[in-house]
Amino acid sequence: MFTGVLATFPLHAKPDDDIIPLEGARYFTAWEFPPWAVLMLVTVAGLYLWGVLTLRRRGDAWPVVRTISFVGLGLGSIAVASFSFLGVYDTVLFWTHMIQHMLLNMIAPVFLVYGAPATLALRALPKRQRGWLLAVLHSMVAKILLFPPLTTGLMVASPFALYMTGWYELTLRNDFFHDSLHLYLVTVGTLFFFPLLGVDPVPIKMPYPIRILLFFLTMPFHAFLGVTIMGSSRLIAEEWYLAFDRDWGLAPLTDQTYAGGLMWATGDLTMLAAMITIFVQWIKESNREAKRVDRALDREDAARARAARLGYDEPVSDNHAKE
């Protein structure tokens, strides 16, 4: 069944296919909509919107920005990466694949996580199902899968394993592994950003400095790999790309150079934006904590003032003061 679902994702061009050049209007018209792939995204969007509608029917609010983030930007990024010219030409041009890679692995997961789907589910589900979800979120499996050092290691190691071994060429030659890669990129990206952005409840809550550090650590690795790809004089999956014998678009080596530059720039910009977001959250939480402490101190000062007026040496409660 799993293989059947994956097989419904966009068909991927092979060297012996009759490839329409990616030129002019083709950038806007080259869309493919495999029914099951569309159904999967529509189902996820429908479940999210059902949760929002459930809250509103009982009079509870849900931030519009979170709905836009999850449905419009998160799932929308996956749709663009899968169905647009990026998905149609992802086995023909390395730079289109790289944009697709970054959308699936970095851009879409950020928006999906910021949409707070777990929080929405906890508020919308009935009591029993809410208990099941809480049990899952606090299970040992969740603690392992969402352990930030582990997810950071996967985020750093996966691109190196993909492009520095035969894994990438395997995904070009085999549709099952190609579509499995797409699912893997979204999954790893979501597992990475989920505990670090800290929008939803997580089994292990990391301090803000550690979160920022983990984001910071990923940046040089993506930059290094991007620069390595840019500067390489040997084509990745050389036999595959040369077999297309294209007379349009970028030359294969130039195509690879552009792809490396896209990885470098997109990776650094995404991580920098995430670090800034975490820093802003840290400041807001510090301000909230400072206000809470100030209110507590104000209450203590007021209690001391009442005690002084009544001739007590120590602050007294309101009830004691009335007596």
Protein backbone atom coordinates (compact mmCIF):
# COMPACT_ATOMS: atom_id res chain seq x y z
CA MET A 1 0.00 0.00 0.00
CA PHE A 2 2.81 2.41 0.94
CA THR A 3 4.51 1.79 -2.39
CA GLY A 4 1.23 2.43 -4.17
CA VAL A 5 0.77 5.77 -2.46
CA LEU A 6 4.30 6.88 -3.32
CA ALA A 7 3.83 5.82 -6.93
CA THR A 8 1.02 8.35 -7.30
CA PHE A 9 3.39 11.28 -6.86
CA PRO A 10 4.54 13.11 -10.05
CA LEU A 11 6.08 10.91 -12.71
CA HIS A 12 9.73 11.74 -13.17
CA ALA A 13 11.40 12.42 -16.49
CA LYS A 14 13.91 9.88 -17.79
CA PRO A 15 16.70 10.49 -20.34
CA ASP A 16 14.81 8.60 -23.06
CA ASP A 17 11.63 10.65 -22.59
CA ASP A 18 10.60 13.42 -24.97
CA ILE A 19 11.43 16.38 -22.70
CA ILE A 20 9.78 19.73 -23.40
CA PRO A 21 12.41 22.46 -22.83
CA LEU A 22 11.90 24.54 -19.71
CA GLU A 23 11.65 27.93 -21.37
CA GLY A 24 9.35 30.95 -21.37
CA ALA A 25 5.76 30.20 -20.36
CA ARG A 26 6.73 26.64 -19.48
CA TYR A 27 7.82 27.93 -16.06
CA PHE A 28 4.16 28.72 -15.36
CA THR A 29 2.35 25.98 -17.29
CA ALA A 30 4.42 22.91 -16.38
CA TRP A 31 2.20 21.59 -13.59
CA GLU A 32 1.21 17.99 -12.85
CA PHE A 33 -1.50 17.01 -10.36
CA PRO A 34 -1.42 13.28 -9.56
CA PRO A 35 -4.79 12.57 -7.86
CA TRP A 36 -3.51 10.72 -4.79
CA ALA A 37 -0.80 13.27 -4.09
CA VAL A 38 -3.33 16.08 -4.27
CA LEU A 39 -5.72 14.06 -2.09
CA MET A 40 -3.07 13.61 0.60
CA LEU A 41 -2.39 17.36 0.83
CA VAL A 42 -6.10 18.23 0.69
CA THR A 43 -6.79 15.71 3.47
CA VAL A 44 -4.15 17.23 5.74
CA ALA A 45 -5.43 20.73 5.00
CA GLY A 46 -9.01 19.58 5.62
CA LEU A 47 -8.14 18.08 9.01
CA TYR A 48 -6.41 21.29 10.07
CA LEU A 49 -9.33 23.46 8.92
CA TRP A 50 -11.76 21.09 10.67
CA GLY A 51 -9.89 21.75 13.91
CA VAL A 52 -10.08 25.52 13.38
CA LEU A 53 -13.81 25.30 12.61
CA THR A 54 -14.41 23.15 15.71
CA LEU A 55 -12.84 25.80 17.91
CA ARG A 56 -14.79 28.63 16.33
CA ARG A 57 -18.11 26.78 16.62
CA ARG A 58 -17.70 26.63 20.38
CA GLY A 59 -16.59 30.25 20.58
CA ASP A 60 -12.82 29.76 20.91
CA ALA A 61 -10.37 31.79 18.85
CA TRP A 62 -7.52 30.46 16.74
CA PRO A 63 -4.90 32.83 15.26
CA VAL A 64 -5.48 33.37 11.55
CA VAL A 65 -1.72 33.70 11.05
CA ARG A 66 -1.25 30.09 12.19
CA THR A 67 -3.85 28.83 9.71
CA ILE A 68 -2.19 30.78 6.91
CA SER A 69 1.21 29.46 7.96
CA PHE A 70 0.20 25.78 8.00
CA VAL A 71 -2.25 25.56 5.11
CA GLY A 72 -1.21 28.40 2.83
CA LEU A 73 2.57 28.54 3.27
CA GLY A 74 3.48 25.10 4.63
CA LEU A 75 1.29 22.82 2.52
CA GLY A 76 1.48 25.38 -0.29
CA SER A 77 5.27 25.08 -0.36
CA ILE A 78 5.00 21.30 -0.59
CA ALA A 79 2.49 21.62 -3.44
CA VAL A 80 4.74 24.01 -5.37
CA ALA A 81 7.77 21.79 -4.82
CA SER A 82 5.89 18.68 -5.96
CA PHE A 83 3.50 19.81 -8.69
CA SER A 84 5.03 22.86 -10.38
CA PHE A 85 7.91 22.89 -12.88
CA LEU A 86 10.14 22.11 -9.88
CA GLY A 87 8.54 18.67 -9.62
CA VAL A 88 8.24 18.16 -13.37
CA TYR A 89 11.92 18.87 -14.06
CA ASP A 90 13.45 17.74 -10.76
CA THR A 91 15.25 14.83 -12.43
CA VAL A 92 16.34 16.87 -15.45
CA LEU A 93 17.89 19.99 -13.92
CA PHE A 94 19.90 19.94 -10.71
CA TRP A 95 18.99 23.52 -9.77
CA THR A 96 15.25 22.79 -9.87
CA HIS A 97 15.83 19.78 -7.64
CA MET A 98 17.82 21.93 -5.20
CA ILE A 99 15.03 24.49 -4.88
CA GLN A 100 12.64 21.60 -4.34
CA HIS A 101 14.99 20.13 -1.72
CA MET A 102 15.16 23.39 0.25
CA LEU A 103 11.40 23.93 0.04
CA LEU A 104 10.66 20.45 1.35
CA ASN A 105 13.42 20.28 3.96
CA MET A 106 13.60 23.84 5.32
CA ILE A 107 10.90 26.22 4.12
CA ALA A 108 7.75 24.09 4.37
CA PRO A 109 8.63 22.53 7.78
CA VAL A 110 9.10 25.97 9.36
CA PHE A 111 5.61 27.05 8.30
CA LEU A 112 4.07 23.70 9.24
CA VAL A 113 5.57 23.85 12.72
CA TYR A 114 4.59 27.50 13.20
CA GLY A 115 1.00 26.48 12.39
CA ALA A 116 0.99 24.63 15.77
CA PRO A 117 -0.94 21.56 14.55
CA ALA A 118 -0.43 19.64 17.81
CA THR A 119 -1.81 22.51 19.92
CA LEU A 120 -4.78 22.81 17.58
CA ALA A 121 -5.46 19.07 17.84
CA LEU A 122 -5.22 19.15 21.64
CA ARG A 123 -7.80 21.92 21.76
CA ALA A 124 -10.15 20.49 19.13
CA LEU A 125 -10.14 16.75 19.88
CA PRO A 126 -12.53 15.08 22.34
CA LYS A 127 -11.17 14.23 25.79
CA ARG A 128 -10.25 10.60 25.07
CA GLN A 129 -8.47 11.33 21.77
CA ARG A 130 -6.71 14.29 23.41
CA GLY A 131 -5.38 11.91 26.05
CA TRP A 132 -4.06 9.58 23.34
CA LEU A 133 -2.27 12.46 21.62
CA LEU A 134 -0.73 13.63 24.89
CA ALA A 135 0.47 10.10 25.56
CA VAL A 136 2.12 10.02 22.14
CA LEU A 137 3.75 13.44 22.59
CA HIS A 138 5.25 12.35 25.92
CA SER A 139 6.17 8.81 24.89
CA MET A 140 9.72 7.50 24.76
CA VAL A 141 9.47 7.29 20.95
CA ALA A 142 8.62 10.99 20.76
CA LYS A 143 11.46 11.84 23.14
CA ILE A 144 13.89 10.04 20.85
CA LEU A 145 12.51 11.35 17.54
CA LEU A 146 12.33 14.93 18.85
CA PHE A 147 15.64 14.91 20.72
CA PRO A 148 17.25 18.10 19.34
CA PRO A 149 20.86 16.86 19.12
CA LEU A 150 19.63 13.82 17.16
CA THR A 151 17.45 15.84 14.77
CA THR A 152 20.26 18.36 14.32
CA GLY A 153 22.63 15.53 13.42
CA LEU A 154 20.15 14.19 10.86
CA MET A 155 19.66 17.68 9.42
CA VAL A 156 23.41 18.13 9.01
CA ALA A 157 24.32 14.61 7.85
CA SER A 158 21.46 13.96 5.41
CA PRO A 159 22.58 16.36 2.63
CA PHE A 160 26.14 15.04 2.80
CA ALA A 161 24.89 11.44 2.62
CA LEU A 162 22.56 12.34 -0.24
CA TYR A 163 24.99 14.14 -2.54
CA MET A 164 28.32 12.60 -1.54
CA THR A 165 27.20 8.98 -2.00
CA GLY A 166 25.17 7.09 -4.59
CA TRP A 167 21.91 7.85 -2.75
CA TYR A 168 21.02 10.83 -4.95
CA GLU A 169 21.60 8.98 -8.22
CA LEU A 170 19.46 6.13 -6.89
CA THR A 171 16.59 8.58 -6.35
CA LEU A 172 16.97 9.78 -9.94
CA ARG A 173 16.78 6.29 -11.39
CA ASN A 174 14.05 4.87 -9.15
CA ASP A 175 10.67 6.59 -8.66
CA PHE A 176 10.00 4.86 -5.34
CA PHE A 177 13.24 6.10 -3.80
CA HIS A 178 12.73 9.50 -5.41
CA ASP A 179 9.35 10.04 -3.76
CA SER A 180 10.59 8.46 -0.52
CA LEU A 181 13.27 11.15 -0.48
CA HIS A 182 10.60 13.87 -0.66
CA LEU A 183 8.79 12.39 2.34
CA TYR A 184 12.08 12.00 4.18
CA LEU A 185 13.06 15.64 3.62
CA VAL A 186 9.76 16.94 4.97
CA THR A 187 9.88 14.56 7.92
CA VAL A 188 13.45 15.37 8.95
CA GLY A 189 12.85 19.09 8.55
CA THR A 190 9.72 18.95 10.69
CA LEU A 191 11.42 16.87 13.39
CA PHE A 192 14.27 19.39 13.44
CA PHE A 193 12.20 22.56 13.70
CA PHE A 194 9.42 21.15 15.93
CA PRO A 195 11.33 21.16 19.25
CA LEU A 196 13.55 24.14 18.43
CA LEU A 197 10.81 26.59 17.47
CA GLY A 198 8.86 25.38 20.49
CA VAL A 199 5.39 26.38 19.26
CA ASP A 200 3.74 23.07 20.20
CA PRO A 201 4.23 21.09 23.44
CA VAL A 202 7.36 18.94 23.25
CA PRO A 203 8.59 16.10 25.49
CA ILE A 204 11.98 17.78 25.99
CA LYS A 205 12.04 21.57 26.23
CA MET A 206 15.45 22.99 25.41
CA PRO A 207 16.68 26.31 26.84
CA TYR A 208 16.73 29.17 24.34
CA PRO A 209 20.54 29.49 24.21
CA ILE A 210 20.83 25.79 23.31
CA ARG A 211 18.22 26.16 20.56
CA ILE A 212 20.06 29.11 19.05
CA LEU A 213 23.33 27.19 19.27
CA LEU A 214 21.87 24.20 17.42
CA PHE A 215 20.60 26.46 14.64
CA PHE A 216 23.98 28.15 14.49
CA LEU A 217 25.79 24.82 14.22
CA THR A 218 23.86 23.77 11.13
CA MET A 219 24.77 26.87 9.12
CA PRO A 220 28.45 26.19 8.35
CA PHE A 221 27.71 22.60 7.30
CA HIS A 222 25.13 23.64 4.70
CA ALA A 223 27.41 26.42 3.54
CA PHE A 224 30.38 24.05 3.26
CA LEU A 225 28.41 21.49 1.25
CA GLY A 226 26.96 24.20 -1.00
CA VAL A 227 30.41 25.63 -1.70
CA THR A 228 31.77 22.13 -2.30
CA ILE A 229 29.06 21.44 -4.87
CA MET A 230 29.66 24.83 -6.49
CA GLY A 231 33.40 24.26 -6.81
CA SER A 232 33.32 20.65 -7.93
CA SER A 233 34.68 19.98 -11.41
CA ARG A 234 32.96 16.59 -11.53
CA LEU A 235 29.23 16.25 -12.00
CA ILE A 236 27.10 14.61 -9.35
CA ALA A 237 25.16 11.79 -11.07
CA GLU A 238 27.19 12.62 -14.17
CA GLU A 239 26.05 9.70 -16.32
CA TRP A 240 22.39 10.46 -15.62
CA TYR A 241 22.49 14.19 -16.43
CA LEU A 242 24.66 13.81 -19.54
CA ALA A 243 22.30 11.15 -20.90
CA PHE A 244 19.63 13.84 -21.47
CA ASP A 245 21.91 15.48 -24.05
CA ARG A 246 20.09 18.79 -23.63
CA ASP A 247 20.58 21.70 -26.01
CA TRP A 248 18.55 24.06 -23.81
CA GLY A 249 18.90 25.44 -20.30
CA LEU A 250 22.10 25.67 -18.29
CA ALA A 251 25.05 23.46 -19.16
CA PRO A 252 25.31 20.55 -16.70
CA LEU A 253 28.32 21.89 -14.79
CA THR A 254 26.84 25.41 -14.62
CA ASP A 255 23.57 23.84 -13.51
CA GLN A 256 25.42 22.15 -10.64
CA THR A 257 27.16 25.40 -9.70
CA TYR A 258 23.80 27.17 -9.46
CA ALA A 259 22.44 24.31 -7.35
CA GLY A 260 25.31 24.59 -4.87
CA GLY A 261 24.78 28.34 -4.60
CA LEU A 262 21.08 27.85 -3.94
CA MET A 263 21.83 25.39 -1.13
CA TRP A 264 24.34 27.76 0.44
CA ALA A 265 22.15 30.86 0.29
CA THR A 266 18.82 29.26 1.14
CA GLY A 267 20.22 27.21 4.00
CA ASP A 268 21.94 30.15 5.66
CA LEU A 269 18.98 32.51 5.19
CA THR A 270 16.50 29.98 6.59
CA MET A 271 18.61 29.20 9.63
CA LEU A 272 19.28 32.90 10.24
CA ALA A 273 15.56 33.65 10.09
CA ALA A 274 14.86 30.77 12.50
CA MET A 275 17.54 32.02 14.91
CA ILE A 276 16.02 35.50 14.86
CA THR A 277 12.58 34.02 15.55
CA ILE A 278 13.91 32.08 18.52
CA PHE A 279 15.71 35.16 19.82
CA VAL A 280 12.49 37.20 19.60
CA GLN A 281 10.60 34.43 21.44
CA TRP A 282 13.30 34.46 24.10
CA ILE A 283 12.97 38.21 24.59
CA LYS A 284 9.17 38.02 24.77
CA GLU A 285 9.28 35.21 27.32
CA SER A 286 11.88 37.11 29.38
CA ASN A 287 9.65 40.19 29.33
CA ARG A 288 6.64 38.13 30.43
CA GLU A 289 8.68 36.62 33.25
CA ALA A 290 9.94 40.06 34.27
CA LYS A 291 6.36 41.38 34.37
CA ARG A 292 5.29 38.37 36.44
CA VAL A 293 8.10 39.00 38.92
CA ASP A 294 7.25 42.71 39.04
CA ARG A 295 3.61 41.92 39.84
CA ALA A 296 4.70 39.53 42.59
CA LEU A 297 7.01 42.18 44.06
CA ASP A 298 4.23 44.79 43.85
CA ARG A 299 1.92 42.48 45.78
CA GLU A 300 4.60 41.94 48.42
CA ASP A 301 5.18 45.71 48.73
CA ALA A 302 1.43 46.30 49.08
CA ALA A 303 1.23 43.60 51.76
CA ARG A 304 4.11 45.17 53.67
CA ALA A 305 2.46 48.58 53.44
CA ARG A 306 -0.79 47.19 54.86
CA ALA A 307 1.13 45.42 57.60
CA ALA A 308 2.90 48.65 58.52
CA ARG A 309 -0.39 50.54 58.72
CA LEU A 310 -1.86 47.88 61.03
CA GLY A 311 1.23 47.74 63.21
CA TYR A 312 2.40 44.27 62.18
CA ASP A 313 6.06 43.47 61.71
CA GLU A 314 5.35 41.03 58.87
CA PRO A 315 3.03 41.30 55.90
CA VAL A 316 -0.48 39.98 56.55
CA SER A 317 -3.02 38.57 54.19
CA ASP A 318 -6.09 40.50 53.08
CA ASN A 319 -8.33 38.32 55.23
CA HIS A 320 -6.17 38.91 58.30
CA ALA A 321 -6.17 42.63 57.65
CA LYS A 322 -9.99 42.67 57.54
CA GLU A 323 -10.14 40.96 60.93
